[in-house]
Amino acid sequence: MHEPDDPPAACPVCEGAYDSVSVHSSGLMINLLENELYQRVCVEPLDAGAGEGRIRFFHHTHEQAAETDD
């Protein structure tokens, strides 16, 4: 997992504000049940080239998720 040097200004999935972004190249687990910090994580697949895929996660706080859940 790593944090990109040039993250987008808004989440490309929901177009909302986000708290943090991370990029993953291997297996991972997501569990947001009873999570005090994050309400939602938007997922965007990326093509890293050379046949390698990456997944970018945009972590939304409860307040940020409420803004786009209308």
N, C-alpha and C. Protein backbone atom coordinates (compact mmCIF):
# COMPACT_ATOMS: atom_id res chain seq x y z
N MET A 1 0.84 -1.17 0.00
CA MET A 1 0.00 0.00 0.00
C MET A 1 0.89 1.23 0.00
N HIS A 2 0.47 2.26 -0.75
CA HIS A 2 1.17 3.54 -0.70
C HIS A 2 0.19 4.67 -0.98
N GLU A 3 0.61 5.85 -0.61
CA GLU A 3 -0.19 7.05 -0.86
C GLU A 3 0.36 7.73 -2.11
N PRO A 4 -0.50 8.06 -3.07
CA PRO A 4 0.00 8.69 -4.30
C PRO A 4 0.52 10.10 -4.06
N ASP A 5 1.49 10.51 -4.89
CA ASP A 5 2.07 11.85 -4.78
C ASP A 5 1.13 12.94 -5.29
N ASP A 6 0.26 12.58 -6.23
CA ASP A 6 -0.62 13.57 -6.85
C ASP A 6 -2.08 13.11 -6.82
N PRO A 7 -2.68 13.03 -5.63
CA PRO A 7 -4.07 12.57 -5.54
C PRO A 7 -5.03 13.58 -6.16
N PRO A 8 -6.16 13.11 -6.70
CA PRO A 8 -7.14 14.04 -7.28
C PRO A 8 -7.79 14.90 -6.20
N ALA A 9 -8.32 16.04 -6.62
CA ALA A 9 -8.95 16.97 -5.68
C ALA A 9 -10.24 16.42 -5.10
N ALA A 10 -10.95 15.60 -5.88
CA ALA A 10 -12.20 14.98 -5.43
C ALA A 10 -12.18 13.51 -5.81
N CYS A 11 -12.99 12.73 -5.15
CA CYS A 11 -13.09 11.30 -5.44
C CYS A 11 -13.67 11.12 -6.84
N PRO A 12 -12.99 10.38 -7.73
CA PRO A 12 -13.50 10.19 -9.08
C PRO A 12 -14.71 9.26 -9.15
N VAL A 13 -14.99 8.54 -8.08
CA VAL A 13 -16.12 7.62 -8.06
C VAL A 13 -17.42 8.34 -7.70
N CYS A 14 -17.41 9.09 -6.58
CA CYS A 14 -18.63 9.78 -6.12
C CYS A 14 -18.55 11.29 -6.28
N GLU A 15 -17.39 11.78 -6.70
CA GLU A 15 -17.13 13.21 -6.90
C GLU A 15 -17.19 14.03 -5.61
N GLY A 16 -17.09 13.36 -4.46
CA GLY A 16 -17.14 14.04 -3.18
C GLY A 16 -15.76 14.22 -2.56
N ALA A 17 -15.75 14.93 -1.45
CA ALA A 17 -14.51 15.12 -0.68
C ALA A 17 -14.13 13.80 -0.02
N TYR A 18 -12.85 13.61 0.23
CA TYR A 18 -12.38 12.41 0.93
C TYR A 18 -11.28 12.80 1.90
N ASP A 19 -11.05 11.92 2.88
CA ASP A 19 -10.07 12.20 3.93
C ASP A 19 -8.68 11.74 3.51
N SER A 20 -8.58 10.56 2.89
CA SER A 20 -7.29 10.04 2.47
C SER A 20 -7.48 9.11 1.29
N VAL A 21 -6.38 8.81 0.61
CA VAL A 21 -6.40 7.90 -0.54
C VAL A 21 -5.21 6.96 -0.41
N SER A 22 -5.41 5.71 -0.81
CA SER A 22 -4.32 4.73 -0.80
C SER A 22 -4.41 3.88 -2.05
N VAL A 23 -3.26 3.37 -2.50
CA VAL A 23 -3.19 2.52 -3.68
C VAL A 23 -2.64 1.17 -3.25
N HIS A 24 -3.32 0.10 -3.68
CA HIS A 24 -2.96 -1.27 -3.27
C HIS A 24 -2.66 -2.12 -4.49
N SER A 25 -1.67 -3.00 -4.37
CA SER A 25 -1.31 -3.90 -5.47
C SER A 25 -1.45 -5.36 -5.09
N SER A 26 -1.88 -5.64 -3.88
CA SER A 26 -2.06 -7.02 -3.46
C SER A 26 -3.34 -7.15 -2.64
N GLY A 27 -3.61 -8.31 -2.13
CA GLY A 27 -4.84 -8.58 -1.40
C GLY A 27 -5.06 -7.64 -0.23
N LEU A 28 -6.33 -7.44 0.07
CA LEU A 28 -6.69 -6.57 1.17
C LEU A 28 -8.07 -6.94 1.69
N MET A 29 -8.42 -6.45 2.86
CA MET A 29 -9.72 -6.70 3.46
C MET A 29 -10.32 -5.37 3.87
N ILE A 30 -11.63 -5.22 3.65
CA ILE A 30 -12.33 -3.99 4.02
C ILE A 30 -13.44 -4.35 4.99
N ASN A 31 -13.45 -3.70 6.14
CA ASN A 31 -14.51 -3.89 7.12
C ASN A 31 -14.82 -2.53 7.72
N LEU A 32 -15.99 -1.98 7.39
CA LEU A 32 -16.36 -0.67 7.90
C LEU A 32 -17.44 -0.75 8.98
N LEU A 33 -17.77 -1.93 9.43
CA LEU A 33 -18.76 -2.06 10.49
C LEU A 33 -18.24 -1.39 11.75
N GLU A 34 -19.05 -0.52 12.29
CA GLU A 34 -18.71 0.18 13.53
C GLU A 34 -17.37 0.91 13.44
N ASN A 35 -17.04 1.44 12.28
CA ASN A 35 -15.82 2.19 12.10
C ASN A 35 -16.05 3.62 12.55
N GLU A 36 -15.30 4.07 13.51
CA GLU A 36 -15.50 5.41 14.08
C GLU A 36 -15.04 6.52 13.15
N LEU A 37 -14.11 6.24 12.24
CA LEU A 37 -13.55 7.29 11.39
C LEU A 37 -14.20 7.32 10.00
N TYR A 38 -14.30 6.16 9.34
CA TYR A 38 -14.78 6.16 7.95
C TYR A 38 -16.15 5.51 7.81
N GLN A 39 -16.98 6.14 6.98
CA GLN A 39 -18.32 5.64 6.67
C GLN A 39 -18.30 4.84 5.38
N ARG A 40 -17.48 5.30 4.41
CA ARG A 40 -17.48 4.67 3.09
C ARG A 40 -16.08 4.72 2.50
N VAL A 41 -15.78 3.72 1.67
CA VAL A 41 -14.56 3.69 0.88
C VAL A 41 -14.97 3.47 -0.57
N CYS A 42 -14.65 4.41 -1.44
CA CYS A 42 -14.89 4.25 -2.87
C CYS A 42 -13.67 3.57 -3.48
N VAL A 43 -13.90 2.69 -4.45
CA VAL A 43 -12.83 1.90 -5.04
C VAL A 43 -12.73 2.22 -6.54
N GLU A 44 -11.51 2.49 -7.00
CA GLU A 44 -11.27 2.76 -8.42
C GLU A 44 -10.15 1.85 -8.92
N PRO A 45 -10.42 0.97 -9.89
CA PRO A 45 -9.35 0.14 -10.45
C PRO A 45 -8.43 1.00 -11.32
N LEU A 46 -7.14 0.69 -11.29
CA LEU A 46 -6.14 1.41 -12.09
C LEU A 46 -5.33 0.42 -12.90
N ASP A 47 -4.86 0.83 -14.05
CA ASP A 47 -3.96 0.03 -14.86
C ASP A 47 -2.55 0.55 -14.62
N ALA A 48 -1.71 -0.26 -13.99
CA ALA A 48 -0.35 0.17 -13.67
C ALA A 48 0.61 -0.13 -14.83
N GLY A 49 0.10 -0.69 -15.92
CA GLY A 49 0.94 -1.04 -17.05
C GLY A 49 1.62 -2.38 -16.84
N ALA A 50 2.19 -2.91 -17.88
CA ALA A 50 2.91 -4.19 -17.84
C ALA A 50 2.07 -5.31 -17.25
N GLY A 51 0.75 -5.25 -17.48
CA GLY A 51 -0.13 -6.31 -16.98
C GLY A 51 -0.38 -6.28 -15.49
N GLU A 52 0.01 -5.21 -14.82
CA GLU A 52 -0.19 -5.11 -13.38
C GLU A 52 -1.35 -4.18 -13.07
N GLY A 53 -2.24 -4.63 -12.21
CA GLY A 53 -3.35 -3.80 -11.79
C GLY A 53 -3.12 -3.20 -10.42
N ARG A 54 -3.80 -2.14 -10.15
CA ARG A 54 -3.78 -1.49 -8.85
C ARG A 54 -5.21 -1.10 -8.50
N ILE A 55 -5.47 -0.94 -7.23
CA ILE A 55 -6.77 -0.49 -6.77
C ILE A 55 -6.54 0.74 -5.90
N ARG A 56 -7.26 1.81 -6.22
CA ARG A 56 -7.13 3.04 -5.44
C ARG A 56 -8.38 3.19 -4.58
N PHE A 57 -8.16 3.45 -3.29
CA PHE A 57 -9.24 3.58 -2.31
C PHE A 57 -9.33 5.02 -1.84
N PHE A 58 -10.55 5.55 -1.83
CA PHE A 58 -10.82 6.88 -1.33
C PHE A 58 -11.63 6.73 -0.05
N HIS A 59 -11.05 7.13 1.07
CA HIS A 59 -11.64 6.94 2.39
C HIS A 59 -12.45 8.17 2.79
N HIS A 60 -13.76 7.98 2.97
CA HIS A 60 -14.67 9.08 3.30
C HIS A 60 -15.09 9.01 4.77
N THR A 61 -14.98 10.12 5.47
CA THR A 61 -15.46 10.18 6.85
C THR A 61 -16.99 10.13 6.85
N HIS A 62 -17.59 9.99 8.00
CA HIS A 62 -19.05 9.97 8.12
C HIS A 62 -19.65 11.26 7.57
N GLU A 63 -19.04 12.40 7.89
CA GLU A 63 -19.54 13.68 7.43
C GLU A 63 -19.43 13.82 5.91
N GLN A 64 -18.30 13.41 5.36
CA GLN A 64 -18.10 13.51 3.91
C GLN A 64 -19.07 12.59 3.16
N ALA A 65 -19.30 11.41 3.67
CA ALA A 65 -20.22 10.46 3.03
C ALA A 65 -21.66 11.01 3.06
N ALA A 66 -22.02 11.65 4.16
CA ALA A 66 -23.37 12.20 4.28
C ALA A 66 -23.61 13.29 3.25
N GLU A 67 -22.56 14.02 2.87
CA GLU A 67 -22.71 15.09 1.87
C GLU A 67 -23.06 14.57 0.49
N THR A 68 -22.66 13.33 0.15
CA THR A 68 -22.91 12.78 -1.18
C THR A 68 -23.95 11.68 -1.17
N ASP A 69 -24.53 11.36 -0.04
CA ASP A 69 -25.53 10.30 0.05
C ASP A 69 -26.95 10.78 -0.17
N ASP A 70 -27.14 11.93 -0.75
CA ASP A 70 -28.49 12.49 -0.95
C ASP A 70 -29.29 11.71 -1.95
